[in-house]
PDB file of N, CA and C in Angstrom:
ATOM      1  N   UNK A   1      25.237  21.473 -12.527  1.00  0.00           N
ATOM      2  CA  UNK A   1      25.668  20.987 -11.191  1.00  0.00           C
ATOM      3  C   UNK A   1      24.923  20.370 -10.412  1.00  0.00           C
ATOM      4  N   UNK A   2      25.406  19.586  -9.759  1.00  0.00           N
ATOM      5  CA  UNK A   2      24.237  18.687  -9.225  1.00  0.00           C
ATOM      6  C   UNK A   2      24.651  19.005  -7.525  1.00  0.00           C
ATOM      7  N   UNK A   3      23.370  19.034  -6.444  1.00  0.00           N
ATOM      8  CA  UNK A   3      24.026  19.421  -5.307  1.00  0.00           C
ATOM      9  C   UNK A   3      23.437  17.927  -4.377  1.00  0.00           C
ATOM     10  N   UNK A   4      24.313  17.604  -3.866  1.00  0.00           N
ATOM     11  CA  UNK A   4      23.706  16.465  -2.983  1.00  0.00           C
ATOM     12  C   UNK A   4      23.153  16.676  -1.640  1.00  0.00           C
ATOM     13  N   UNK A   5      22.329  16.119  -1.203  1.00  0.00           N
ATOM     14  CA  UNK A   5      21.505  16.454  -0.026  1.00  0.00           C
ATOM     15  C   UNK A   5      22.159  15.980   1.008  1.00  0.00           C
ATOM     16  N   UNK A   6      22.385  16.143   1.929  1.00  0.00           N
ATOM     17  CA  UNK A   6      23.162  15.369   3.214  1.00  0.00           C
ATOM     18  C   UNK A   6      22.116  14.498   3.540  1.00  0.00           C
ATOM     19  N   UNK A   7      22.817  13.316   4.201  1.00  0.00           N
ATOM     20  CA  UNK A   7      21.868  12.391   4.427  1.00  0.00           C
ATOM     21  C   UNK A   7      21.123  12.602   5.756  1.00  0.00           C
ATOM     22  N   UNK A   8      19.686  12.659   6.178  1.00  0.00           N
ATOM     23  CA  UNK A   8      19.380  12.631   7.435  1.00  0.00           C
ATOM     24  C   UNK A   8      19.600  12.128   8.528  1.00  0.00           C
ATOM     25  N   UNK A   9      19.833  12.655   9.396  1.00  0.00           N
ATOM     26  CA  UNK A   9      20.232  12.214  10.786  1.00  0.00           C
ATOM     27  C   UNK A   9      19.542  10.829  11.289  1.00  0.00           C
ATOM     28  N   UNK A  10      19.792   9.693  11.410  1.00  0.00           N
ATOM     29  CA  UNK A  10      18.851   8.791  12.235  1.00  0.00           C
ATOM     30  C   UNK A  10      19.133   8.967  13.456  1.00  0.00           C
ATOM     31  N   UNK A  11      17.712   8.724  13.995  1.00  0.00           N
ATOM     32  CA  UNK A  11      17.231   9.195  15.585  1.00  0.00           C
ATOM     33  C   UNK A  11      18.009   8.060  16.352  1.00  0.00           C
ATOM     34  N   UNK A  12      18.040   8.391  17.590  1.00  0.00           N
ATOM     35  CA  UNK A  12      18.576   7.215  18.602  1.00  0.00           C
ATOM     36  C   UNK A  12      17.729   7.132  19.374  1.00  0.00           C
ATOM     37  N   UNK A  13      17.225   5.749  19.509  1.00  0.00           N
ATOM     38  CA  UNK A  13      16.259   5.295  20.329  1.00  0.00           C
ATOM     39  C   UNK A  13      16.957   4.695  21.603  1.00  0.00           C
ATOM     40  N   UNK A  14      16.609   5.098  22.729  1.00  0.00           N
ATOM     41  CA  UNK A  14      17.001   4.775  23.897  1.00  0.00           C
ATOM     42  C   UNK A  14      16.009   4.092  24.703  1.00  0.00           C
ATOM     43  N   UNK A  15      16.311   2.599  24.979  1.00  0.00           N
ATOM     44  CA  UNK A  15      15.330   1.717  25.909  1.00  0.00           C
ATOM     45  C   UNK A  15      15.346   1.869  27.092  1.00  0.00           C
ATOM     46  N   UNK A  16      14.085   1.905  27.707  1.00  0.00           N
ATOM     47  CA  UNK A  16      14.076   2.231  29.363  1.00  0.00           C
ATOM     48  C   UNK A  16      13.615   0.901  29.856  1.00  0.00           C
ATOM     49  N   UNK A  17      14.485   0.669  30.616  1.00  0.00           N
ATOM     50  CA  UNK A  17      14.056  -0.707  31.411  1.00  0.00           C
ATOM     51  C   UNK A  17      12.861  -0.540  32.682  1.00  0.00           C
ATOM     52  N   UNK A  18      11.880  -1.365  32.391  1.00  0.00           N
ATOM     53  CA  UNK A  18      10.770  -1.040  33.445  1.00  0.00           C
ATOM     54  C   UNK A  18      11.508  -1.473  35.081  1.00  0.00           C
ATOM     55  N   UNK A  19      11.157  -0.427  36.114  1.00  0.00           N
ATOM     56  CA  UNK A  19      11.571  -0.603  36.963  1.00  0.00           C
ATOM     57  C   UNK A  19      10.688  -1.459  37.918  1.00  0.00           C
ATOM     58  N   UNK A  20      11.006  -2.566  38.674  1.00  0.00           N
ATOM     59  CA  UNK A  20      10.986  -3.778  39.364  1.00  0.00           C
ATOM     60  C   UNK A  20      10.218  -2.982  40.451  1.00  0.00           C
ATOM     61  N   UNK A  21       8.748  -3.309  40.722  1.00  0.00           N
ATOM     62  CA  UNK A  21       8.066  -2.496  41.850  1.00  0.00           C
ATOM     63  C   UNK A  21       7.729  -3.463  42.648  1.00  0.00           C
ATOM     64  N   UNK A  22       7.752  -4.243  44.011  1.00  0.00           N
ATOM     65  CA  UNK A  22       7.524  -5.015  44.476  1.00  0.00           C
ATOM     66  C   UNK A  22       6.062  -4.856  45.017  1.00  0.00           C
ATOM     67  N   UNK A  23       5.575  -3.582  45.539  1.00  0.00           N
ATOM     68  CA  UNK A  23       4.061  -3.530  45.762  1.00  0.00           C
ATOM     69  C   UNK A  23       3.555  -3.424  44.551  1.00  0.00           C
ATOM     70  N   UNK A  24       3.953  -3.405  43.350  1.00  0.00           N
ATOM     71  CA  UNK A  24       3.043  -3.498  41.973  1.00  0.00           C
ATOM     72  C   UNK A  24       2.713  -5.256  42.133  1.00  0.00           C
ATOM     73  N   UNK A  25       3.860  -5.735  42.229  1.00  0.00           N
ATOM     74  CA  UNK A  25       3.730  -7.251  42.168  1.00  0.00           C
ATOM     75  C   UNK A  25       2.604  -7.787  43.303  1.00  0.00           C
ATOM     76  N   UNK A  26       2.719  -7.397  44.366  1.00  0.00           N
ATOM     77  CA  UNK A  26       1.891  -7.578  45.271  1.00  0.00           C
ATOM     78  C   UNK A  26       0.248  -7.574  45.071  1.00  0.00           C
ATOM     79  N   UNK A  27       0.193  -6.098  44.524  1.00  0.00           N
ATOM     80  CA  UNK A  27      -1.223  -5.509  43.934  1.00  0.00           C
ATOM     81  C   UNK A  27      -1.678  -6.640  43.088  1.00  0.00           C
ATOM     82  N   UNK A  28      -0.663  -7.204  42.255  1.00  0.00           N
ATOM     83  CA  UNK A  28      -1.348  -8.162  41.024  1.00  0.00           C
ATOM     84  C   UNK A  28      -1.614  -9.741  41.690  1.00  0.00           C
ATOM     85  N   UNK A  29      -1.303  -9.833  42.837  1.00  0.00           N
ATOM     86  CA  UNK A  29      -1.487 -10.965  43.462  1.00  0.00           C
ATOM     87  C   UNK A  29      -2.430 -10.952  44.216  1.00  0.00           C
ATOM     88  N   UNK A  30      -2.907 -10.004  44.635  1.00  0.00           N
ATOM     89  CA  UNK A  30      -3.812  -9.615  45.357  1.00  0.00           C
ATOM     90  C   UNK A  30      -5.608  -9.550  44.347  1.00  0.00           C
ATOM     91  N   UNK A  31      -4.772  -9.161  43.202  1.00  0.00           N
ATOM     92  CA  UNK A  31      -6.179  -8.667  42.000  1.00  0.00           C
ATOM     93  C   UNK A  31      -6.327 -10.492  41.520  1.00  0.00           C
ATOM     94  N   UNK A  32      -5.504 -11.193  41.503  1.00  0.00           N
ATOM     95  CA  UNK A  32      -5.926 -12.997  41.317  1.00  0.00           C
ATOM     96  C   UNK A  32      -6.543 -13.376  42.354  1.00  0.00           C
ATOM     97  N   UNK A  33      -6.500 -12.800  43.591  1.00  0.00           N
ATOM     98  CA  UNK A  33      -7.053 -13.810  44.388  1.00  0.00           C
ATOM     99  C   UNK A  33      -8.349 -13.487  44.368  1.00  0.00           C
ATOM    100  N   UNK A  34      -9.082 -12.018  43.793  1.00  0.00           N
ATOM    101  CA  UNK A  34     -10.475 -11.795  44.018  1.00  0.00           C
ATOM    102  C   UNK A  34     -10.963 -11.669  45.003  1.00  0.00           C
ATOM    103  N   UNK A  35     -12.270 -12.206  45.250  1.00  0.00           N
ATOM    104  CA  UNK A  35     -13.054 -11.955  46.437  1.00  0.00           C
ATOM    105  C   UNK A  35     -12.248 -12.163  47.853  1.00  0.00           C
ATOM    106  N   UNK A  36     -11.425 -13.095  48.053  1.00  0.00           N
ATOM    107  CA  UNK A  36     -10.560 -13.695  48.907  1.00  0.00           C
ATOM    108  C   UNK A  36      -9.245 -12.919  49.373  1.00  0.00           C
ATOM    109  N   UNK A  37      -9.124 -11.871  48.381  1.00  0.00           N
ATOM    110  CA  UNK A  37      -8.257 -10.704  49.012  1.00  0.00           C
ATOM    111  C   UNK A  37      -8.613 -10.189  50.030  1.00  0.00           C
ATOM    112  N   UNK A  38     -10.014 -10.274  50.258  1.00  0.00           N
ATOM    113  CA  UNK A  38     -10.596  -8.992  51.347  1.00  0.00           C
ATOM    114  C   UNK A  38     -10.256  -9.753  52.787  1.00  0.00           C
ATOM    115  N   UNK A  39     -10.121 -11.091  52.856  1.00  0.00           N
ATOM    116  CA  UNK A  39      -9.795 -11.633  54.102  1.00  0.00           C
ATOM    117  C   UNK A  39      -8.186 -11.950  54.259  1.00  0.00           C
ATOM    118  N   UNK A  40      -7.509 -11.720  53.121  1.00  0.00           N
ATOM    119  CA  UNK A  40      -5.918 -11.929  53.239  1.00  0.00           C
ATOM    120  C   UNK A  40      -5.105 -10.596  53.868  1.00  0.00           C
ATOM    121  N   UNK A  41      -4.344 -11.101  55.174  1.00  0.00           N
ATOM    122  CA  UNK A  41      -3.600 -10.037  56.046  1.00  0.00           C
ATOM    123  C   UNK A  41      -2.486  -9.225  54.720  1.00  0.00           C
ATOM    124  N   UNK A  42      -2.027 -10.244  54.058  1.00  0.00           N
ATOM    125  CA  UNK A  42      -0.897  -9.438  53.178  1.00  0.00           C
ATOM    126  C   UNK A  42      -1.613  -8.271  52.237  1.00  0.00           C
ATOM    127  N   UNK A  43      -2.964  -8.727  51.585  1.00  0.00           N
ATOM    128  CA  UNK A  43      -3.465  -7.580  50.628  1.00  0.00           C
ATOM    129  C   UNK A  43      -4.014  -6.599  51.607  1.00  0.00           C
ATOM    130  N   UNK A  44      -4.429  -6.678  52.812  1.00  0.00           N
ATOM    131  CA  UNK A  44      -4.883  -5.768  53.315  1.00  0.00           C
ATOM    132  C   UNK A  44      -3.777  -4.873  53.823  1.00  0.00           C
ATOM    133  N   UNK A  45      -2.477  -5.201  54.109  1.00  0.00           N
ATOM    134  CA  UNK A  45      -1.542  -4.282  54.097  1.00  0.00           C
ATOM    135  C   UNK A  45      -0.858  -4.023  52.897  1.00  0.00           C
ATOM    136  N   UNK A  46      -1.145  -4.817  51.607  1.00  0.00           N
ATOM    137  CA  UNK A  46      -0.561  -3.803  50.363  1.00  0.00           C
ATOM    138  C   UNK A  46      -1.131  -2.921  50.198  1.00  0.00           C
ATOM    139  N   UNK A  47      -2.711  -2.984  50.560  1.00  0.00           N
ATOM    140  CA  UNK A  47      -3.683  -1.878  50.316  1.00  0.00           C
ATOM    141  C   UNK A  47      -3.612  -0.817  51.080  1.00  0.00           C
ATOM    142  N   UNK A  48      -3.100  -0.894  52.093  1.00  0.00           N
ATOM    143  CA  UNK A  48      -2.773  -0.015  53.270  1.00  0.00           C
ATOM    144  C   UNK A  48      -1.556   0.906  52.628  1.00  0.00           C
ATOM    145  N   UNK A  49      -0.650   0.063  52.133  1.00  0.00           N
ATOM    146  CA  UNK A  49       0.406   1.005  51.941  1.00  0.00           C
ATOM    147  C   UNK A  49       0.153   1.559  50.362  1.00  0.00           C
ATOM    148  N   UNK A  50      -0.599   1.020  49.493  1.00  0.00           N
ATOM    149  CA  UNK A  50      -1.182   1.666  48.252  1.00  0.00           C
ATOM    150  C   UNK A  50      -1.600   3.133  48.621  1.00  0.00           C
ATOM    151  N   UNK A  51      -2.530   3.087  49.472  1.00  0.00           N
ATOM    152  CA  UNK A  51      -3.301   4.153  49.751  1.00  0.00           C
ATOM    153  C   UNK A  51      -2.288   5.128  50.583  1.00  0.00           C
ATOM    154  N   UNK A  52      -1.311   4.993  51.404  1.00  0.00           N
ATOM    155  CA  UNK A  52      -0.513   5.855  51.797  1.00  0.00           C
ATOM    156  C   UNK A  52       0.446   6.318  50.613  1.00  0.00           C
ATOM    157  N   UNK A  53       0.748   5.545  49.717  1.00  0.00           N
ATOM    158  CA  UNK A  53       1.716   6.180  48.804  1.00  0.00           C
ATOM    159  C   UNK A  53       0.920   6.877  48.057  1.00  0.00           C
ATOM    160  N   UNK A  54      -0.634   6.674  47.436  1.00  0.00           N
ATOM    161  CA  UNK A  54      -1.346   7.508  46.647  1.00  0.00           C
ATOM    162  C   UNK A  54      -1.640   9.045  47.446  1.00  0.00           C
ATOM    163  N   UNK A  55      -1.602   9.063  48.880  1.00  0.00           N
ATOM    164  CA  UNK A  55      -2.068  10.345  49.363  1.00  0.00           C
ATOM    165  C   UNK A  55      -0.786  10.751  49.768  1.00  0.00           C
ATOM    166  N   UNK A  56       0.536  10.318  49.402  1.00  0.00           N
ATOM    167  CA  UNK A  56       1.740  11.053  49.787  1.00  0.00           C
ATOM    168  C   UNK A  56       2.009  10.998  51.307  1.00  0.00           C
ATOM    169  N   UNK A  57       1.594   9.984  52.144  1.00  0.00           N
ATOM    170  CA  UNK A  57       1.807   9.886  53.206  1.00  0.00           C
ATOM    171  C   UNK A  57       3.259   8.810  53.579  1.00  0.00           C
ATOM    172  N   UNK A  58       3.591   9.079  54.919  1.00  0.00           N
ATOM    173  CA  UNK A  58       4.915   8.142  55.128  1.00  0.00           C
ATOM    174  C   UNK A  58       4.055   6.728  55.586  1.00  0.00           C
ATOM    175  N   UNK A  59       4.544   5.631  54.870  1.00  0.00           N
ATOM    176  CA  UNK A  59       4.050   4.228  55.217  1.00  0.00           C
ATOM    177  C   UNK A  59       3.818   3.738  56.559  1.00  0.00           C
ATOM    178  N   UNK A  60       2.557   3.504  57.275  1.00  0.00           N
ATOM    179  CA  UNK A  60       2.159   3.288  58.440  1.00  0.00           C
ATOM    180  C   UNK A  60       2.925   2.148  59.044  1.00  0.00           C
ATOM    181  N   UNK A  61       3.502   2.060  60.316  1.00  0.00           N
ATOM    182  CA  UNK A  61       4.147   0.962  60.805  1.00  0.00           C
ATOM    183  C   UNK A  61       3.548  -0.059  61.013  1.00  0.00           C
ATOM    184  N   UNK A  62       4.289  -1.207  60.541  1.00  0.00           N
ATOM    185  CA  UNK A  62       3.453  -2.840  60.718  1.00  0.00           C
ATOM    186  C   UNK A  62       2.959  -3.138  62.151  1.00  0.00           C
TER     187      UNK A  62
END
């Protein structure tokens, strides 16, 4: 008597779409500016928002 083993179930892989984060995109822009980012009003605003998000505070009004 031969006994057949059941075929192993194949694992289903679910793809995860990356979430678009505008803050992250602005952080990258500031990173590419290098030292000039320290004088860029947009980068200063992005860094303030990043700090607030990290500390769990409500964003400061602009």
